[in-house]
C-alpha atoms as a PDB file:
ATOM      1  CA  MET A   1     -24.750  40.150  39.230  1.00  0.00           C
ATOM      2  CA  PRO A   2     -27.907  38.093  38.696  1.00  0.00           C
ATOM      3  CA  ARG A   3     -27.405  34.621  37.285  1.00  0.00           C
ATOM      4  CA  LYS A   4     -29.206  33.458  34.123  1.00  0.00           C
ATOM      5  CA  ARG A   5     -32.167  31.309  34.734  1.00  0.00           C
ATOM      6  CA  PRO A   6     -32.029  27.660  33.594  1.00  0.00           C
ATOM      7  CA  GLN A   7     -34.766  28.462  31.071  1.00  0.00           C
ATOM      8  CA  ASP A   8     -32.513  31.083  29.429  1.00  0.00           C
ATOM      9  CA  ASP A   9     -29.682  28.547  29.222  1.00  0.00           C
ATOM     10  CA  ASP A  10     -31.976  25.987  27.635  1.00  0.00           C
ATOM     11  CA  GLU A  11     -33.149  28.490  25.014  1.00  0.00           C
ATOM     12  CA  LEU A  12     -29.566  29.447  24.186  1.00  0.00           C
ATOM     13  CA  LEU A  13     -28.514  25.814  23.806  1.00  0.00           C
ATOM     14  CA  ALA A  14     -31.535  25.094  21.625  1.00  0.00           C
ATOM     15  CA  ARG A  15     -30.686  28.057  19.430  1.00  0.00           C
ATOM     16  CA  LEU A  16     -27.069  26.931  19.083  1.00  0.00           C
ATOM     17  CA  ARG A  17     -28.168  23.410  18.185  1.00  0.00           C
ATOM     18  CA  SER A  18     -30.475  24.808  15.512  1.00  0.00           C
ATOM     19  CA  LEU A  19     -27.732  26.985  13.997  1.00  0.00           C
ATOM     20  CA  THR A  20     -25.295  24.078  14.026  1.00  0.00           C
ATOM     21  CA  ALA A  21     -27.787  21.823  12.281  1.00  0.00           C
ATOM     22  CA  GLN A  22     -28.455  24.459   9.603  1.00  0.00           C
ATOM     23  CA  ALA A  23     -24.728  24.946   8.997  1.00  0.00           C
ATOM     24  CA  ARG A  24     -24.259  21.182   8.699  1.00  0.00           C
ATOM     25  CA  GLU A  25     -27.103  20.940   6.191  1.00  0.00           C
ATOM     26  CA  ARG A  26     -25.642  23.732   4.056  1.00  0.00           C
ATOM     27  CA  ALA A  27     -22.198  22.104   4.135  1.00  0.00           C
ATOM     28  CA  GLU A  28     -23.662  18.735   3.142  1.00  0.00           C
ATOM     29  CA  TYR A  29     -25.596  20.348   0.285  1.00  0.00           C
ATOM     30  CA  GLN A  30     -22.525  22.188  -1.008  1.00  0.00           C
ATOM     31  CA  ARG A  31     -20.419  19.049  -0.786  1.00  0.00           C
ATOM     32  CA  SER A  32     -23.006  17.021  -2.673  1.00  0.00           C
ATOM     33  CA  GLN A  33     -23.152  19.708  -5.380  1.00  0.00           C
ATOM     34  CA  VAL A  34     -19.377  19.628  -5.788  1.00  0.00           C
ATOM     35  CA  GLU A  35     -19.298  15.823  -5.865  1.00  0.00           C
ATOM     36  CA  LEU A  36     -22.022  15.828  -8.499  1.00  0.00           C
ATOM     37  CA  ALA A  37     -20.202  18.417 -10.606  1.00  0.00           C
ATOM     38  CA  VAL A  38     -16.887  16.571 -10.364  1.00  0.00           C
ATOM     39  CA  ALA A  39     -18.543  13.266 -11.308  1.00  0.00           C
ATOM     40  CA  LEU A  40     -20.331  14.975 -14.197  1.00  0.00           C
ATOM     41  CA  GLN A  41     -17.110  16.581 -15.371  1.00  0.00           C
ATOM     42  CA  ARG A  42     -15.026  13.414 -15.184  1.00  0.00           C
ATOM     43  CA  GLY A  43     -17.766  11.383 -16.846  1.00  0.00           C
ATOM     44  CA  MET A  44     -17.697  13.703 -19.845  1.00  0.00           C
ATOM     45  CA  LEU A  45     -13.963  13.410 -20.437  1.00  0.00           C
ATOM     46  CA  PRO A  46     -12.907  10.756 -22.981  1.00  0.00           C
ATOM     47  CA  ARG A  47     -12.036   7.306 -21.676  1.00  0.00           C
ATOM     48  CA  ASP A  48      -9.815   6.347 -24.629  1.00  0.00           C
ATOM     49  CA  LEU A  49      -7.518   8.177 -27.031  1.00  0.00           C
ATOM     50  CA  PRO A  50      -6.869   7.294 -30.678  1.00  0.00           C
ATOM     51  CA  ASP A  51      -4.164   4.681 -31.205  1.00  0.00           C
ATOM     52  CA  THR A  52      -2.195   5.695 -34.301  1.00  0.00           C
ATOM     53  CA  PRO A  53       1.231   4.358 -35.328  1.00  0.00           C
ATOM     54  CA  ARG A  54       4.111   6.739 -34.469  1.00  0.00           C
ATOM     55  CA  VAL A  55       1.733   9.363 -33.038  1.00  0.00           C
ATOM     56  CA  HIS A  56       1.510   9.441 -29.260  1.00  0.00           C
ATOM     57  CA  LEU A  57      -1.169  11.226 -27.261  1.00  0.00           C
ATOM     58  CA  ALA A  58      -1.025  11.812 -23.521  1.00  0.00           C
ATOM     59  CA  VAL A  59      -3.336  13.709 -21.191  1.00  0.00           C
ATOM     60  CA  ARG A  60      -3.264  14.872 -17.608  1.00  0.00           C
ATOM     61  CA  TYR A  61      -6.032  16.540 -15.640  1.00  0.00           C
ATOM     62  CA  ALA A  62      -5.991  18.079 -12.144  1.00  0.00           C
ATOM     63  CA  PRO A  63      -9.278  19.325 -10.617  1.00  0.00           C
ATOM     64  CA  ALA A  64      -9.592  22.651  -8.831  1.00  0.00           C
ATOM     65  CA  THR A  65      -7.928  22.523  -5.434  1.00  0.00           C
ATOM     66  CA  TYR A  66      -9.585  25.391  -3.606  1.00  0.00           C
ATOM     67  CA  GLY A  67     -12.833  25.400  -1.653  1.00  0.00           C
ATOM     68  CA  LEU A  68     -15.921  24.460  -3.607  1.00  0.00           C
ATOM     69  CA  ASN A  69     -14.577  25.369  -7.046  1.00  0.00           C
ATOM     70  CA  VAL A  70     -15.201  22.988  -9.901  1.00  0.00           C
ATOM     71  CA  GLY A  71     -14.507  24.182 -13.395  1.00  0.00           C
ATOM     72  CA  GLY A  72     -15.298  23.273 -16.965  1.00  0.00           C
ATOM     73  CA  ASP A  73     -11.888  22.405 -18.399  1.00  0.00           C
ATOM     74  CA  TRP A  74     -11.844  19.607 -20.954  1.00  0.00           C
ATOM     75  CA  TYR A  75      -9.636  17.792 -23.437  1.00  0.00           C
ATOM     76  CA  ASP A  76     -10.600  15.488 -26.265  1.00  0.00           C
ATOM     77  CA  ALA A  77      -9.022  13.463 -29.059  1.00  0.00           C
ATOM     78  CA  PHE A  78     -10.858  11.368 -31.632  1.00  0.00           C
ATOM     79  CA  THR A  79     -10.517   9.951 -35.112  1.00  0.00           C
ATOM     80  CA  LEU A  80     -12.251  11.900 -37.867  1.00  0.00           C
ATOM     81  CA  PRO A  81     -14.121  10.201 -40.740  1.00  0.00           C
ATOM     82  CA  ASP A  82     -11.174  10.762 -43.124  1.00  0.00           C
ATOM     83  CA  GLY A  83      -8.681   9.128 -40.743  1.00  0.00           C
ATOM     84  CA  ARG A  84      -7.161  12.307 -39.415  1.00  0.00           C
ATOM     85  CA  ILE A  85      -7.206  13.052 -35.680  1.00  0.00           C
ATOM     86  CA  GLY A  86      -9.251  15.803 -34.049  1.00  0.00           C
ATOM     87  CA  LEU A  87      -7.767  17.377 -30.915  1.00  0.00           C
ATOM     88  CA  SER A  88      -9.513  19.869 -28.685  1.00  0.00           C
ATOM     89  CA  ILE A  89      -8.911  21.527 -25.362  1.00  0.00           C
ATOM     90  CA  GLY A  90     -10.910  24.258 -23.677  1.00  0.00           C
ATOM     91  CA  ASP A  91     -12.205  26.022 -20.622  1.00  0.00           C
ATOM     92  CA  VAL A  92     -15.756  27.086 -19.758  1.00  0.00           C
ATOM     93  CA  GLN A  93     -16.427  30.301 -17.853  1.00  0.00           C
ATOM     94  CA  GLY A  94     -17.385  29.724 -14.221  1.00  0.00           C
ATOM     95  CA  HIS A  95     -16.749  27.171 -11.492  1.00  0.00           C
ATOM     96  CA  ASN A  96     -19.956  25.317 -10.711  1.00  0.00           C
ATOM     97  CA  ILE A  97     -22.175  22.501 -11.883  1.00  0.00           C
ATOM     98  CA  GLU A  98     -23.555  24.675 -14.704  1.00  0.00           C
ATOM     99  CA  ALA A  99     -20.020  25.148 -16.048  1.00  0.00           C
ATOM    100  CA  ALA A 100     -19.387  21.398 -15.945  1.00  0.00           C
ATOM    101  CA  ALA A 101     -22.656  20.702 -17.777  1.00  0.00           C
ATOM    102  CA  PHE A 102     -21.949  23.395 -20.388  1.00  0.00           C
ATOM    103  CA  MET A 103     -18.518  21.847 -20.928  1.00  0.00           C
ATOM    104  CA  GLY A 104     -20.270  18.632 -21.898  1.00  0.00           C
ATOM    105  CA  GLN A 105     -22.407  20.497 -24.423  1.00  0.00           C
ATOM    106  CA  VAL A 106     -19.375  22.137 -26.020  1.00  0.00           C
ATOM    107  CA  ARG A 107     -17.394  18.915 -26.251  1.00  0.00           C
ATOM    108  CA  ALA A 108     -20.362  16.963 -27.624  1.00  0.00           C
ATOM    109  CA  GLY A 109     -21.093  19.741 -30.114  1.00  0.00           C
ATOM    110  CA  LEU A 110     -17.520  19.741 -31.384  1.00  0.00           C
ATOM    111  CA  ARG A 111     -17.548  15.968 -31.851  1.00  0.00           C
ATOM    112  CA  ALA A 112     -20.907  15.939 -33.611  1.00  0.00           C
ATOM    113  CA  LEU A 113     -20.087  18.788 -35.971  1.00  0.00           C
ATOM    114  CA  ALA A 114     -16.634  17.357 -36.704  1.00  0.00           C
ATOM    115  CA  SER A 115     -18.350  14.427 -38.404  1.00  0.00           C
ATOM    116  CA  VAL A 116     -19.674  16.957 -40.936  1.00  0.00           C
ATOM    117  CA  SER A 117     -16.593  19.169 -41.240  1.00  0.00           C
ATOM    118  CA  GLY A 118     -13.287  18.674 -39.476  1.00  0.00           C
ATOM    119  CA  GLU A 119     -11.796  21.885 -40.887  1.00  0.00           C
ATOM    120  CA  PRO A 120     -10.869  23.704 -37.649  1.00  0.00           C
ATOM    121  CA  GLY A 121     -12.015  27.208 -38.564  1.00  0.00           C
ATOM    122  CA  GLU A 122     -15.384  26.092 -39.915  1.00  0.00           C
ATOM    123  CA  LEU A 123     -15.846  23.706 -36.998  1.00  0.00           C
ATOM    124  CA  LEU A 124     -15.344  26.447 -34.390  1.00  0.00           C
ATOM    125  CA  ALA A 125     -17.639  28.796 -36.324  1.00  0.00           C
ATOM    126  CA  ARG A 126     -20.429  26.199 -36.416  1.00  0.00           C
ATOM    127  CA  THR A 127     -19.949  25.316 -32.747  1.00  0.00           C
ATOM    128  CA  ASN A 128     -20.060  28.996 -31.832  1.00  0.00           C
ATOM    129  CA  ASP A 129     -23.377  29.489 -33.628  1.00  0.00           C
ATOM    130  CA  LEU A 130     -24.781  26.299 -32.086  1.00  0.00           C
ATOM    131  CA  LEU A 131     -23.934  27.448 -28.550  1.00  0.00           C
ATOM    132  CA  ILE A 132     -25.463  30.868 -29.158  1.00  0.00           C
ATOM    133  CA  SER A 133     -28.659  29.236 -30.430  1.00  0.00           C
ATOM    134  CA  LEU A 134     -28.951  27.322 -27.143  1.00  0.00           C
ATOM    135  CA  GLY A 135     -29.388  30.623 -25.302  1.00  0.00           C
ATOM    136  CA  ASN A 136     -26.889  29.884 -22.530  1.00  0.00           C
ATOM    137  CA  ASP A 137     -25.185  32.836 -20.841  1.00  0.00           C
ATOM    138  CA  LEU A 138     -21.893  30.973 -20.475  1.00  0.00           C
ATOM    139  CA  PHE A 139     -19.024  31.008 -22.948  1.00  0.00           C
ATOM    140  CA  ALA A 140     -15.975  28.832 -23.580  1.00  0.00           C
ATOM    141  CA  THR A 141     -12.450  29.215 -24.878  1.00  0.00           C
ATOM    142  CA  CYS A 142     -11.157  26.449 -27.109  1.00  0.00           C
ATOM    143  CA  THR A 143      -8.382  25.291 -29.409  1.00  0.00           C
ATOM    144  CA  PHE A 144      -9.175  22.711 -32.074  1.00  0.00           C
ATOM    145  CA  MET A 145      -6.471  21.031 -34.133  1.00  0.00           C
ATOM    146  CA  ARG A 146      -6.670  18.519 -36.980  1.00  0.00           C
ATOM    147  CA  LEU A 147      -3.649  16.236 -37.341  1.00  0.00           C
ATOM    148  CA  ASP A 148      -2.744  14.269 -40.442  1.00  0.00           C
ATOM    149  CA  PRO A 149      -0.651  11.361 -39.092  1.00  0.00           C
ATOM    150  CA  GLU A 150       0.821  10.658 -42.527  1.00  0.00           C
ATOM    151  CA  THR A 151       2.282  14.107 -43.171  1.00  0.00           C
ATOM    152  CA  GLY A 152       2.469  15.523 -39.627  1.00  0.00           C
ATOM    153  CA  THR A 153       0.443  18.566 -40.730  1.00  0.00           C
ATOM    154  CA  LEU A 154      -1.480  20.220 -37.908  1.00  0.00           C
ATOM    155  CA  GLU A 155      -4.244  22.685 -38.755  1.00  0.00           C
ATOM    156  CA  SER A 156      -5.258  24.813 -35.788  1.00  0.00           C
ATOM    157  CA  ALA A 157      -7.993  27.316 -34.924  1.00  0.00           C
ATOM    158  CA  ARG A 158      -8.259  29.117 -31.610  1.00  0.00           C
ATOM    159  CA  ALA A 159     -11.289  30.680 -29.900  1.00  0.00           C
ATOM    160  CA  GLY A 160     -10.035  32.954 -27.120  1.00  0.00           C
ATOM    161  CA  HIS A 161      -7.810  30.194 -25.746  1.00  0.00           C
ATOM    162  CA  ILE A 162      -4.152  30.347 -24.767  1.00  0.00           C
ATOM    163  CA  PRO A 163      -1.747  29.317 -27.557  1.00  0.00           C
ATOM    164  CA  VAL A 164      -0.098  25.944 -27.964  1.00  0.00           C
ATOM    165  CA  VAL A 165       3.541  25.207 -27.142  1.00  0.00           C
ATOM    166  CA  TRP A 166       5.791  23.312 -29.560  1.00  0.00           C
ATOM    167  CA  ALA A 167       9.223  21.708 -29.535  1.00  0.00           C
ATOM    168  CA  THR A 168      11.392  19.894 -32.074  1.00  0.00           C
ATOM    169  CA  ALA A 169      14.033  17.216 -31.635  1.00  0.00           C
ATOM    170  CA  ASP A 170      16.825  19.595 -32.706  1.00  0.00           C
ATOM    171  CA  GLY A 171      16.333  21.781 -29.630  1.00  0.00           C
ATOM    172  CA  LYS A 172      13.972  24.446 -30.929  1.00  0.00           C
ATOM    173  CA  SER A 173      10.831  25.308 -28.931  1.00  0.00           C
ATOM    174  CA  GLY A 174       8.355  28.139 -28.624  1.00  0.00           C
ATOM    175  CA  ILE A 175       4.779  29.372 -28.413  1.00  0.00           C
ATOM    176  CA  GLY A 176       2.483  28.927 -31.383  1.00  0.00           C
ATOM    177  CA  GLU A 177       1.826  32.128 -33.307  1.00  0.00           C
ATOM    178  CA  ASP A 178      -1.694  32.341 -34.646  1.00  0.00           C
ATOM    179  CA  GLU A 179      -4.341  35.029 -34.851  1.00  0.00           C
ATOM    180  CA  GLY A 180      -7.252  33.304 -33.137  1.00  0.00           C
ATOM    181  CA  GLY A 181     -10.751  34.648 -32.540  1.00  0.00           C
ATOM    182  CA  PRO A 182     -13.155  35.411 -29.677  1.00  0.00           C
ATOM    183  CA  PRO A 183     -14.453  32.735 -27.262  1.00  0.00           C
ATOM    184  CA  LEU A 184     -17.302  30.467 -28.309  1.00  0.00           C
ATOM    185  CA  GLY A 185     -20.818  31.543 -27.446  1.00  0.00           C
ATOM    186  CA  ILE A 186     -20.382  35.317 -27.562  1.00  0.00           C
ATOM    187  CA  GLN A 187     -20.647  36.735 -31.084  1.00  0.00           C
ATOM    188  CA  PRO A 188     -22.726  35.102 -33.851  1.00  0.00           C
ATOM    189  CA  GLY A 189     -21.224  34.727 -37.301  1.00  0.00           C
ATOM    190  CA  THR A 190     -17.631  34.783 -36.054  1.00  0.00           C
ATOM    191  CA  GLU A 191     -14.896  33.469 -38.338  1.00  0.00           C
ATOM    192  CA  TYR A 192     -11.840  31.679 -36.957  1.00  0.00           C
ATOM    193  CA  PRO A 193      -8.626  31.764 -38.988  1.00  0.00           C
ATOM    194  CA  VAL A 194      -6.629  28.561 -39.425  1.00  0.00           C
ATOM    195  CA  THR A 195      -2.873  28.263 -38.856  1.00  0.00           C
ATOM    196  CA  ARG A 196      -0.814  25.325 -40.098  1.00  0.00           C
ATOM    197  CA  PHE A 197       1.990  23.746 -38.093  1.00  0.00           C
ATOM    198  CA  ARG A 198       4.168  20.699 -38.684  1.00  0.00           C
ATOM    199  CA  LEU A 199       4.670  17.845 -36.239  1.00  0.00           C
ATOM    200  CA  THR A 200       8.115  16.512 -37.129  1.00  0.00           C
ATOM    201  CA  ALA A 201       9.793  13.291 -36.021  1.00  0.00           C
ATOM    202  CA  GLY A 202      10.708  13.570 -32.348  1.00  0.00           C
ATOM    203  CA  GLY A 203       8.661  16.762 -32.010  1.00  0.00           C
ATOM    204  CA  MET A 204       5.849  17.615 -29.610  1.00  0.00           C
ATOM    205  CA  PHE A 205       2.885  19.964 -29.317  1.00  0.00           C
ATOM    206  CA  VAL A 206       1.356  20.846 -25.946  1.00  0.00           C
ATOM    207  CA  LEU A 207      -2.267  21.985 -25.630  1.00  0.00           C
ATOM    208  CA  LEU A 208      -3.230  23.253 -22.193  1.00  0.00           C
ATOM    209  CA  THR A 209      -5.682  25.316 -20.165  1.00  0.00           C
ATOM    210  CA  ASP A 210      -4.827  28.466 -18.238  1.00  0.00           C
ATOM    211  CA  GLY A 211      -4.902  26.658 -14.890  1.00  0.00           C
ATOM    212  CA  VAL A 212      -1.609  25.079 -15.948  1.00  0.00           C
ATOM    213  CA  VAL A 213       0.246  28.327 -16.570  1.00  0.00           C
ATOM    214  CA  GLU A 214      -1.457  31.213 -14.782  1.00  0.00           C
ATOM    215  CA  GLY A 215      -2.224  31.888 -11.129  1.00  0.00           C
ATOM    216  CA  PRO A 216      -1.427  34.052  -8.116  1.00  0.00           C
ATOM    217  CA  SER A 217       2.210  32.907  -8.063  1.00  0.00           C
ATOM    218  CA  MET A 218       2.968  33.070 -11.788  1.00  0.00           C
ATOM    219  CA  SER A 219       1.972  35.235 -14.730  1.00  0.00           C
ATOM    220  CA  LEU A 220       0.708  33.745 -17.986  1.00  0.00           C
ATOM    221  CA  GLU A 221       3.948  34.673 -19.755  1.00  0.00           C
ATOM    222  CA  GLU A 222       6.076  33.015 -17.070  1.00  0.00           C
ATOM    223  CA  GLY A 223       3.879  29.926 -17.088  1.00  0.00           C
ATOM    224  CA  LEU A 224       4.056  29.506 -20.853  1.00  0.00           C
ATOM    225  CA  GLU A 225       7.830  29.938 -20.802  1.00  0.00           C
ATOM    226  CA  GLN A 226       8.022  27.211 -18.167  1.00  0.00           C
ATOM    227  CA  VAL A 227       6.143  24.838 -20.484  1.00  0.00           C
ATOM    228  CA  VAL A 228       8.360  25.878 -23.414  1.00  0.00           C
ATOM    229  CA  ARG A 229      11.441  24.885 -21.396  1.00  0.00           C
ATOM    230  CA  LEU A 230       9.927  21.564 -20.357  1.00  0.00           C
ATOM    231  CA  ALA A 231       8.878  20.754 -23.932  1.00  0.00           C
ATOM    232  CA  GLY A 232      12.300  21.626 -25.289  1.00  0.00           C
ATOM    233  CA  ILE A 233      14.057  19.427 -22.738  1.00  0.00           C
ATOM    234  CA  ALA A 234      11.667  16.526 -23.397  1.00  0.00           C
ATOM    235  CA  ALA A 235      12.076  16.710 -27.182  1.00  0.00           C
ATOM    236  CA  VAL A 236      15.880  16.859 -27.052  1.00  0.00           C
ATOM    237  CA  ALA A 237      16.000  13.993 -24.543  1.00  0.00           C
ATOM    238  CA  GLY A 238      13.725  11.878 -26.724  1.00  0.00           C
ATOM    239  CA  LEU A 239      11.067  11.514 -24.044  1.00  0.00           C
ATOM    240  CA  GLN A 240       7.584  10.411 -25.015  1.00  0.00           C
ATOM    241  CA  ALA A 241       4.354  12.346 -24.657  1.00  0.00           C
ATOM    242  CA  HIS A 242       3.286  10.872 -21.325  1.00  0.00           C
ATOM    243  CA  ALA A 243       6.526  11.986 -19.640  1.00  0.00           C
ATOM    244  CA  LEU A 244       6.107  15.561 -20.840  1.00  0.00           C
ATOM    245  CA  ALA A 245       2.422  15.641 -19.852  1.00  0.00           C
ATOM    246  CA  ALA A 246       3.333  14.504 -16.333  1.00  0.00           C
ATOM    247  CA  ALA A 247       6.077  17.148 -16.063  1.00  0.00           C
ATOM    248  CA  VAL A 248       3.772  19.934 -17.272  1.00  0.00           C
ATOM    249  CA  ILE A 249       0.960  19.091 -14.853  1.00  0.00           C
ATOM    250  CA  LYS A 250       3.509  18.846 -12.050  1.00  0.00           C
ATOM    251  CA  GLY A 251       4.797  22.304 -12.948  1.00  0.00           C
ATOM    252  CA  ALA A 252       1.243  23.625 -12.643  1.00  0.00           C
ATOM    253  CA  GLU A 253       1.582  23.279  -8.865  1.00  0.00           C
ATOM    254  CA  GLN A 254       3.921  26.292  -8.905  1.00  0.00           C
ATOM    255  CA  VAL A 255       1.324  28.753 -10.221  1.00  0.00           C
ATOM    256  CA  GLY A 256      -0.785  28.581  -7.042  1.00  0.00           C
ATOM    257  CA  HIS A 257      -3.908  28.160  -9.156  1.00  0.00           C
ATOM    258  CA  GLU A 258      -7.447  27.697  -7.877  1.00  0.00           C
ATOM    259  CA  ASP A 259      -8.594  26.449 -11.259  1.00  0.00           C
ATOM    260  CA  ASP A 260      -8.757  23.153 -13.089  1.00  0.00           C
ATOM    261  CA  ALA A 261      -5.699  22.232 -15.136  1.00  0.00           C
ATOM    262  CA  ALA A 262      -5.713  20.127 -18.295  1.00  0.00           C
ATOM    263  CA  VAL A 263      -2.854  19.087 -20.580  1.00  0.00           C
ATOM    264  CA  LEU A 264      -2.918  17.292 -23.935  1.00  0.00           C
ATOM    265  CA  VAL A 265       0.437  16.396 -25.503  1.00  0.00           C
ATOM    266  CA  VAL A 266       0.912  15.219 -29.083  1.00  0.00           C
ATOM    267  CA  GLY A 267       4.203  13.495 -29.832  1.00  0.00           C
ATOM    268  CA  HIS A 268       5.753  11.911 -32.928  1.00  0.00           C
ATOM    269  CA  ASP A 269       8.212   9.010 -32.856  1.00  0.00           C
ATOM    270  CA  ASP A 270      11.693   9.532 -34.212  1.00  0.00           C
ATOM    271  CA  PRO A 271      12.727   6.124 -35.596  1.00  0.00           C
ATOM    272  CA  ASP A 272      16.412   6.932 -35.136  1.00  0.00           C
ATOM    273  CA  ARG A 273      16.087   7.533 -31.392  1.00  0.00           C
ATOM    274  CA  THR A 274      14.800   5.645 -28.349  1.00  0.00           C
ATOM    275  CA  ALA A 275      12.869   7.143 -25.442  1.00  0.00           C
END
């Protein structure tokens, strides 16, 4: 069998070096895109949460853990002009830098419009129309709640997002029952019904994204029931919001998700108990 000439070997090596260099360049570009998206996403999440007597807020966030995915999950909590607290959590379609940027638009839009009207249904309707006017092809699911710290009244509107989980100090817990509406950015002129809940002493509400409760290893129903159990245990034990948030995000590891995961817990002190 004739042996390859040295020239053929040199050409093959040169070709391999070229392919290796191209692969390295693509990998570096993809990594830089992910790093940029992650930095953009984290930079858009709130640095501080409202500090209100007897009301405790806690958040946890876990980025996507698979490949080059980076999503558009967000949480937010801020004080409204009338002293009540606005709470939002949501998830943007897609897993790329565009999704992270669109998440920033949604969150900023909610905050800006909440200064005009904090009524959850009207706020989601206005945000929906604003996003449609921007002409972006992406959409977002979202839950917005308005909490009155004095009375414990929670007004909630939901745009295609998974429901909240609640628990009370007397051992009751469950999944919030509300009608909801379609995701933001799809249908102009959409109305979002408002449901009222009550945050009682020692009680908790858990807002979360689907990366916490749904994945290859667990159905949405199973994931929500897992959070219901955790919330019920935490409320009966008198644990504070940060302990429940940590337990919920830890439980998200069981779903085998490839998505971001965000948790926002609202708790209310019971003066007759200690955590």
